[in-house]
Amino acid sequence: MIVRRDPLVIFMSIELMLNAANLAFVAFGHRLGSADGQAVVFFVMAVAAAEVAVAWRSSSPSSACAAASPWTT
């Protein structure tokens, strides 16, 4: 069994699953003639945006490395 623990790959996989759920919500909402699926998608996209912020922060240099940076004061 192959185990990948790269955080970027994990976040991209979660993003892919959230997008699949969004597609299902919109499709079922369209099929049922309801806008509820689109309302749920709005909240799922907010969760995805928060996930991107966490991934971006985790991929940026840590504060210990930032002390050696010439761009910090």
PDB file of N, CA and C in Angstrom:
ATOM      1  N   MET A   1       0.840  -1.176   0.000  1.00  0.00           N
ATOM      2  CA  MET A   1       0.000   0.000   0.000  1.00  0.00           C
ATOM      3  C   MET A   1       0.888   1.243   0.000  1.00  0.00           C
ATOM      4  N   ILE A   2       0.585   2.172  -0.855  1.00  0.00           N
ATOM      5  CA  ILE A   2       1.358   3.410  -0.948  1.00  0.00           C
ATOM      6  C   ILE A   2       0.691   4.481  -0.089  1.00  0.00           C
ATOM      7  N   VAL A   3       1.470   5.100   0.773  1.00  0.00           N
ATOM      8  CA  VAL A   3       0.949   6.159   1.634  1.00  0.00           C
ATOM      9  C   VAL A   3       1.678   7.439   1.276  1.00  0.00           C
ATOM     10  N   ARG A   4       0.926   8.460   0.893  1.00  0.00           N
ATOM     11  CA  ARG A   4       1.510   9.768   0.578  1.00  0.00           C
ATOM     12  C   ARG A   4       1.057  10.744   1.652  1.00  0.00           C
ATOM     13  N   ARG A   5       2.003  11.405   2.262  1.00  0.00           N
ATOM     14  CA  ARG A   5       1.664  12.333   3.330  1.00  0.00           C
ATOM     15  C   ARG A   5       2.091  13.748   3.016  1.00  0.00           C
ATOM     16  N   ASP A   6       2.254  14.058   1.756  1.00  0.00           N
ATOM     17  CA  ASP A   6       2.589  15.412   1.358  1.00  0.00           C
ATOM     18  C   ASP A   6       1.366  16.298   1.597  1.00  0.00           C
ATOM     19  N   PRO A   7       1.495  17.349   2.405  1.00  0.00           N
ATOM     20  CA  PRO A   7       0.326  18.179   2.737  1.00  0.00           C
ATOM     21  C   PRO A   7      -0.330  18.809   1.505  1.00  0.00           C
ATOM     22  N   LEU A   8       0.465  19.199   0.530  1.00  0.00           N
ATOM     23  CA  LEU A   8      -0.108  19.820  -0.653  1.00  0.00           C
ATOM     24  C   LEU A   8      -0.994  18.836  -1.413  1.00  0.00           C
ATOM     25  N   VAL A   9      -0.556  17.593  -1.519  1.00  0.00           N
ATOM     26  CA  VAL A   9      -1.349  16.575  -2.208  1.00  0.00           C
ATOM     27  C   VAL A   9      -2.629  16.293  -1.423  1.00  0.00           C
ATOM     28  N   ILE A  10      -2.532  16.281  -0.111  1.00  0.00           N
ATOM     29  CA  ILE A  10      -3.714  16.047   0.723  1.00  0.00           C
ATOM     30  C   ILE A  10      -4.729  17.168   0.524  1.00  0.00           C
ATOM     31  N   PHE A  11      -4.267  18.423   0.548  1.00  0.00           N
ATOM     32  CA  PHE A  11      -5.179  19.544   0.363  1.00  0.00           C
ATOM     33  C   PHE A  11      -5.789  19.546  -1.035  1.00  0.00           C
ATOM     34  N   MET A  12      -5.008  19.180  -2.041  1.00  0.00           N
ATOM     35  CA  MET A  12      -5.550  19.114  -3.400  1.00  0.00           C
ATOM     36  C   MET A  12      -6.591  18.002  -3.514  1.00  0.00           C
ATOM     37  N   SER A  13      -6.385  16.898  -2.814  1.00  0.00           N
ATOM     38  CA  SER A  13      -7.353  15.810  -2.838  1.00  0.00           C
ATOM     39  C   SER A  13      -8.658  16.221  -2.161  1.00  0.00           C
ATOM     40  N   ILE A  14      -8.544  16.926  -1.053  1.00  0.00           N
ATOM     41  CA  ILE A  14      -9.749  17.417  -0.369  1.00  0.00           C
ATOM     42  C   ILE A  14     -10.491  18.404  -1.264  1.00  0.00           C
ATOM     43  N   GLU A  15      -9.754  19.258  -1.945  1.00  0.00           N
ATOM     44  CA  GLU A  15     -10.362  20.224  -2.864  1.00  0.00           C
ATOM     45  C   GLU A  15     -11.120  19.506  -3.987  1.00  0.00           C
ATOM     46  N   LEU A  16     -10.547  18.447  -4.505  1.00  0.00           N
ATOM     47  CA  LEU A  16     -11.202  17.666  -5.548  1.00  0.00           C
ATOM     48  C   LEU A  16     -12.496  17.038  -5.028  1.00  0.00           C
ATOM     49  N   MET A  17     -12.475  16.521  -3.809  1.00  0.00           N
ATOM     50  CA  MET A  17     -13.685  15.931  -3.234  1.00  0.00           C
ATOM     51  C   MET A  17     -14.756  16.994  -2.991  1.00  0.00           C
ATOM     52  N   LEU A  18     -14.358  18.182  -2.540  1.00  0.00           N
ATOM     53  CA  LEU A  18     -15.334  19.254  -2.339  1.00  0.00           C
ATOM     54  C   LEU A  18     -15.957  19.687  -3.656  1.00  0.00           C
ATOM     55  N   ASN A  19     -15.164  19.746  -4.718  1.00  0.00           N
ATOM     56  CA  ASN A  19     -15.699  20.109  -6.029  1.00  0.00           C
ATOM     57  C   ASN A  19     -16.665  19.043  -6.554  1.00  0.00           C
ATOM     58  N   ALA A  20     -16.387  17.785  -6.276  1.00  0.00           N
ATOM     59  CA  ALA A  20     -17.310  16.722  -6.678  1.00  0.00           C
ATOM     60  C   ALA A  20     -18.630  16.841  -5.919  1.00  0.00           C
ATOM     61  N   ALA A  21     -18.555  17.163  -4.642  1.00  0.00           N
ATOM     62  CA  ALA A  21     -19.777  17.362  -3.854  1.00  0.00           C
ATOM     63  C   ALA A  21     -20.559  18.569  -4.376  1.00  0.00           C
ATOM     64  N   ASN A  22     -19.852  19.635  -4.756  1.00  0.00           N
ATOM     65  CA  ASN A  22     -20.521  20.808  -5.324  1.00  0.00           C
ATOM     66  C   ASN A  22     -21.279  20.441  -6.589  1.00  0.00           C
ATOM     67  N   LEU A  23     -20.651  19.689  -7.452  1.00  0.00           N
ATOM     68  CA  LEU A  23     -21.293  19.271  -8.703  1.00  0.00           C
ATOM     69  C   LEU A  23     -22.543  18.450  -8.413  1.00  0.00           C
ATOM     70  N   ALA A  24     -22.456  17.562  -7.435  1.00  0.00           N
ATOM     71  CA  ALA A  24     -23.617  16.738  -7.077  1.00  0.00           C
ATOM     72  C   ALA A  24     -24.747  17.604  -6.510  1.00  0.00           C
ATOM     73  N   PHE A  25     -24.411  18.569  -5.652  1.00  0.00           N
ATOM     74  CA  PHE A  25     -25.442  19.448  -5.085  1.00  0.00           C
ATOM     75  C   PHE A  25     -26.149  20.245  -6.167  1.00  0.00           C
ATOM     76  N   VAL A  26     -25.390  20.801  -7.103  1.00  0.00           N
ATOM     77  CA  VAL A  26     -25.997  21.597  -8.173  1.00  0.00           C
ATOM     78  C   VAL A  26     -26.839  20.710  -9.092  1.00  0.00           C
ATOM     79  N   ALA A  27     -26.341  19.518  -9.414  1.00  0.00           N
ATOM     80  CA  ALA A  27     -27.081  18.617 -10.295  1.00  0.00           C
ATOM     81  C   ALA A  27     -28.400  18.170  -9.655  1.00  0.00           C
ATOM     82  N   PHE A  28     -28.356  17.792  -8.385  1.00  0.00           N
ATOM     83  CA  PHE A  28     -29.588  17.369  -7.716  1.00  0.00           C
ATOM     84  C   PHE A  28     -30.545  18.543  -7.536  1.00  0.00           C
ATOM     85  N   GLY A  29     -30.020  19.716  -7.243  1.00  0.00           N
ATOM     86  CA  GLY A  29     -30.867  20.890  -7.123  1.00  0.00           C
ATOM     87  C   GLY A  29     -31.554  21.223  -8.440  1.00  0.00           C
ATOM     88  N   HIS A  30     -30.815  21.108  -9.534  1.00  0.00           N
ATOM     89  CA  HIS A  30     -31.398  21.364 -10.856  1.00  0.00           C
ATOM     90  C   HIS A  30     -32.455  20.317 -11.186  1.00  0.00           C
ATOM     91  N   ARG A  31     -32.149  19.076 -10.871  1.00  0.00           N
ATOM     92  CA  ARG A  31     -33.089  17.981 -11.173  1.00  0.00           C
ATOM     93  C   ARG A  31     -34.376  18.130 -10.376  1.00  0.00           C
ATOM     94  N   LEU A  32     -34.266  18.587  -9.129  1.00  0.00           N
ATOM     95  CA  LEU A  32     -35.442  18.728  -8.274  1.00  0.00           C
ATOM     96  C   LEU A  32     -36.112  20.091  -8.421  1.00  0.00           C
ATOM     97  N   GLY A  33     -35.503  20.989  -9.193  1.00  0.00           N
ATOM     98  CA  GLY A  33     -36.093  22.309  -9.391  1.00  0.00           C
ATOM     99  C   GLY A  33     -35.981  23.194  -8.165  1.00  0.00           C
ATOM    100  N   SER A  34     -34.908  23.038  -7.416  1.00  0.00           N
ATOM    101  CA  SER A  34     -34.728  23.793  -6.178  1.00  0.00           C
ATOM    102  C   SER A  34     -33.377  24.505  -6.205  1.00  0.00           C
ATOM    103  N   ALA A  35     -33.324  25.656  -5.551  1.00  0.00           N
ATOM    104  CA  ALA A  35     -32.066  26.401  -5.468  1.00  0.00           C
ATOM    105  C   ALA A  35     -31.295  26.061  -4.202  1.00  0.00           C
ATOM    106  N   ASP A  36     -31.785  25.100  -3.437  1.00  0.00           N
ATOM    107  CA  ASP A  36     -31.109  24.732  -2.185  1.00  0.00           C
ATOM    108  C   ASP A  36     -29.708  24.188  -2.442  1.00  0.00           C
ATOM    109  N   GLY A  37     -29.522  23.458  -3.532  1.00  0.00           N
ATOM    110  CA  GLY A  37     -28.201  22.917  -3.851  1.00  0.00           C
ATOM    111  C   GLY A  37     -27.183  24.014  -4.077  1.00  0.00           C
ATOM    112  N   GLN A  38     -27.609  25.093  -4.728  1.00  0.00           N
ATOM    113  CA  GLN A  38     -26.695  26.206  -4.963  1.00  0.00           C
ATOM    114  C   GLN A  38     -26.361  26.940  -3.672  1.00  0.00           C
ATOM    115  N   ALA A  39     -27.306  26.981  -2.746  1.00  0.00           N
ATOM    116  CA  ALA A  39     -27.042  27.614  -1.452  1.00  0.00           C
ATOM    117  C   ALA A  39     -26.007  26.810  -0.666  1.00  0.00           C
ATOM    118  N   VAL A  40     -26.104  25.493  -0.731  1.00  0.00           N
ATOM    119  CA  VAL A  40     -25.130  24.641  -0.043  1.00  0.00           C
ATOM    120  C   VAL A  40     -23.759  24.797  -0.684  1.00  0.00           C
ATOM    121  N   VAL A  41     -23.724  24.923  -2.008  1.00  0.00           N
ATOM    122  CA  VAL A  41     -22.457  25.086  -2.720  1.00  0.00           C
ATOM    123  C   VAL A  41     -21.743  26.352  -2.252  1.00  0.00           C
ATOM    124  N   PHE A  42     -22.502  27.404  -1.979  1.00  0.00           N
ATOM    125  CA  PHE A  42     -21.902  28.643  -1.480  1.00  0.00           C
ATOM    126  C   PHE A  42     -21.123  28.390  -0.189  1.00  0.00           C
ATOM    127  N   PHE A  43     -21.695  27.628   0.724  1.00  0.00           N
ATOM    128  CA  PHE A  43     -21.013  27.339   1.982  1.00  0.00           C
ATOM    129  C   PHE A  43     -19.847  26.381   1.789  1.00  0.00           C
ATOM    130  N   VAL A  44     -19.980  25.422   0.877  1.00  0.00           N
ATOM    131  CA  VAL A  44     -18.868  24.510   0.594  1.00  0.00           C
ATOM    132  C   VAL A  44     -17.701  25.280  -0.005  1.00  0.00           C
ATOM    133  N   MET A  45     -17.992  26.271  -0.851  1.00  0.00           N
ATOM    134  CA  MET A  45     -16.919  27.086  -1.420  1.00  0.00           C
ATOM    135  C   MET A  45     -16.233  27.927  -0.353  1.00  0.00           C
ATOM    136  N   ALA A  46     -16.977  28.367   0.651  1.00  0.00           N
ATOM    137  CA  ALA A  46     -16.363  29.096   1.763  1.00  0.00           C
ATOM    138  C   ALA A  46     -15.404  28.188   2.534  1.00  0.00           C
ATOM    139  N   VAL A  47     -15.788  26.940   2.728  1.00  0.00           N
ATOM    140  CA  VAL A  47     -14.899  25.975   3.392  1.00  0.00           C
ATOM    141  C   VAL A  47     -13.664  25.728   2.532  1.00  0.00           C
ATOM    142  N   ALA A  48     -13.845  25.630   1.220  1.00  0.00           N
ATOM    143  CA  ALA A  48     -12.713  25.420   0.318  1.00  0.00           C
ATOM    144  C   ALA A  48     -11.759  26.617   0.343  1.00  0.00           C
ATOM    145  N   ALA A  49     -12.305  27.825   0.435  1.00  0.00           N
ATOM    146  CA  ALA A  49     -11.452  29.012   0.502  1.00  0.00           C
ATOM    147  C   ALA A  49     -10.656  29.029   1.803  1.00  0.00           C
ATOM    148  N   ALA A  50     -11.280  28.613   2.897  1.00  0.00           N
ATOM    149  CA  ALA A  50     -10.554  28.525   4.167  1.00  0.00           C
ATOM    150  C   ALA A  50      -9.462  27.464   4.086  1.00  0.00           C
ATOM    151  N   GLU A  51      -9.747  26.382   3.393  1.00  0.00           N
ATOM    152  CA  GLU A  51      -8.745  25.326   3.219  1.00  0.00           C
ATOM    153  C   GLU A  51      -7.552  25.834   2.417  1.00  0.00           C
ATOM    154  N   VAL A  52      -7.818  26.613   1.391  1.00  0.00           N
ATOM    155  CA  VAL A  52      -6.727  27.182   0.589  1.00  0.00           C
ATOM    156  C   VAL A  52      -5.885  28.115   1.442  1.00  0.00           C
ATOM    157  N   ALA A  53      -6.518  28.888   2.314  1.00  0.00           N
ATOM    158  CA  ALA A  53      -5.768  29.781   3.189  1.00  0.00           C
ATOM    159  C   ALA A  53      -4.863  28.991   4.132  1.00  0.00           C
ATOM    160  N   VAL A  54      -5.371  27.896   4.646  1.00  0.00           N
ATOM    161  CA  VAL A  54      -4.559  27.051   5.532  1.00  0.00           C
ATOM    162  C   VAL A  54      -3.408  26.424   4.754  1.00  0.00           C
ATOM    163  N   ALA A  55      -3.687  25.939   3.549  1.00  0.00           N
ATOM    164  CA  ALA A  55      -2.630  25.331   2.735  1.00  0.00           C
ATOM    165  C   ALA A  55      -1.578  26.357   2.356  1.00  0.00           C
ATOM    166  N   TRP A  56      -2.017  27.561   2.033  1.00  0.00           N
ATOM    167  CA  TRP A  56      -1.079  28.619   1.665  1.00  0.00           C
ATOM    168  C   TRP A  56      -0.192  28.983   2.848  1.00  0.00           C
ATOM    169  N   ARG A  57      -0.783  29.062   4.030  1.00  0.00           N
ATOM    170  CA  ARG A  57      -0.012  29.395   5.226  1.00  0.00           C
ATOM    171  C   ARG A  57       0.957  28.269   5.580  1.00  0.00           C
ATOM    172  N   SER A  58       0.527  27.020   5.401  1.00  0.00           N
ATOM    173  CA  SER A  58       1.402  25.909   5.759  1.00  0.00           C
ATOM    174  C   SER A  58       2.540  25.742   4.761  1.00  0.00           C
ATOM    175  N   SER A  59       2.355  26.243   3.533  1.00  0.00           N
ATOM    176  CA  SER A  59       3.420  26.106   2.546  1.00  0.00           C
ATOM    177  C   SER A  59       4.381  27.290   2.556  1.00  0.00           C
ATOM    178  N   SER A  60       4.017  28.373   3.258  1.00  0.00           N
ATOM    179  CA  SER A  60       4.908  29.530   3.326  1.00  0.00           C
ATOM    180  C   SER A  60       6.018  29.265   4.338  1.00  0.00           C
ATOM    181  N   PRO A  61       7.103  30.011   4.252  1.00  0.00           N
ATOM    182  CA  PRO A  61       8.202  29.785   5.199  1.00  0.00           C
ATOM    183  C   PRO A  61       7.755  30.025   6.637  1.00  0.00           C
ATOM    184  N   SER A  62       8.316  29.266   7.530  1.00  0.00           N
ATOM    185  CA  SER A  62       7.942  29.419   8.933  1.00  0.00           C
ATOM    186  C   SER A  62       8.536  30.698   9.498  1.00  0.00           C
ATOM    187  N   SER A  63       8.047  31.087  10.657  1.00  0.00           N
ATOM    188  CA  SER A  63       8.513  32.334  11.258  1.00  0.00           C
ATOM    189  C   SER A  63       9.982  32.227  11.671  1.00  0.00           C
ATOM    190  N   ALA A  64      10.476  31.009  11.950  1.00  0.00           N
ATOM    191  CA  ALA A  64      11.878  30.844  12.323  1.00  0.00           C
ATOM    192  C   ALA A  64      12.788  31.156  11.135  1.00  0.00           C
ATOM    193  N   CYS A  65      12.356  30.776   9.942  1.00  0.00           N
ATOM    194  CA  CYS A  65      13.146  31.067   8.750  1.00  0.00           C
ATOM    195  C   CYS A  65      12.995  32.520   8.331  1.00  0.00           C
ATOM    196  N   ALA A  66      11.861  33.122   8.688  1.00  0.00           N
ATOM    197  CA  ALA A  66      11.621  34.505   8.294  1.00  0.00           C
ATOM    198  C   ALA A  66      12.563  35.465   9.030  1.00  0.00           C
ATOM    199  N   ALA A  67      13.073  35.050  10.197  1.00  0.00           N
ATOM    200  CA  ALA A  67      13.976  35.919  10.947  1.00  0.00           C
ATOM    201  C   ALA A  67      15.284  36.140  10.185  1.00  0.00           C
ATOM    202  N   ALA A  68      15.675  35.182   9.362  1.00  0.00           N
ATOM    203  CA  ALA A  68      16.905  35.317   8.596  1.00  0.00           C
ATOM    204  C   ALA A  68      16.683  36.031   7.267  1.00  0.00           C
ATOM    205  N   SER A  69      15.432  36.350   6.958  1.00  0.00           N
ATOM    206  CA  SER A  69      15.109  36.979   5.683  1.00  0.00           C
ATOM    207  C   SER A  69      15.497  38.465   5.698  1.00  0.00           C
ATOM    208  N   PRO A  70      16.050  38.969   4.615  1.00  0.00           N
ATOM    209  CA  PRO A  70      16.400  40.398   4.583  1.00  0.00           C
ATOM    210  C   PRO A  70      15.167  41.293   4.450  1.00  0.00           C
ATOM    211  N   TRP A  71      14.005  40.706   4.182  1.00  0.00           N
ATOM    212  CA  TRP A  71      12.788  41.498   3.984  1.00  0.00           C
ATOM    213  C   TRP A  71      12.064  41.778   5.288  1.00  0.00           C
ATOM    214  N   THR A  72      12.459  41.146   6.379  1.00  0.00           N
ATOM    215  CA  THR A  72      11.818  41.412   7.653  1.00  0.00           C
ATOM    216  C   THR A  72      12.549  42.523   8.386  1.00  0.00           C
ATOM    217  N   THR A  73      11.848  43.218   9.236  1.00  0.00           N
ATOM    218  CA  THR A  73      12.474  44.307  10.002  1.00  0.00           C
ATOM    219  C   THR A  73      12.737  43.906  11.416  1.00  0.00           C
TER     220      THR A  73
END
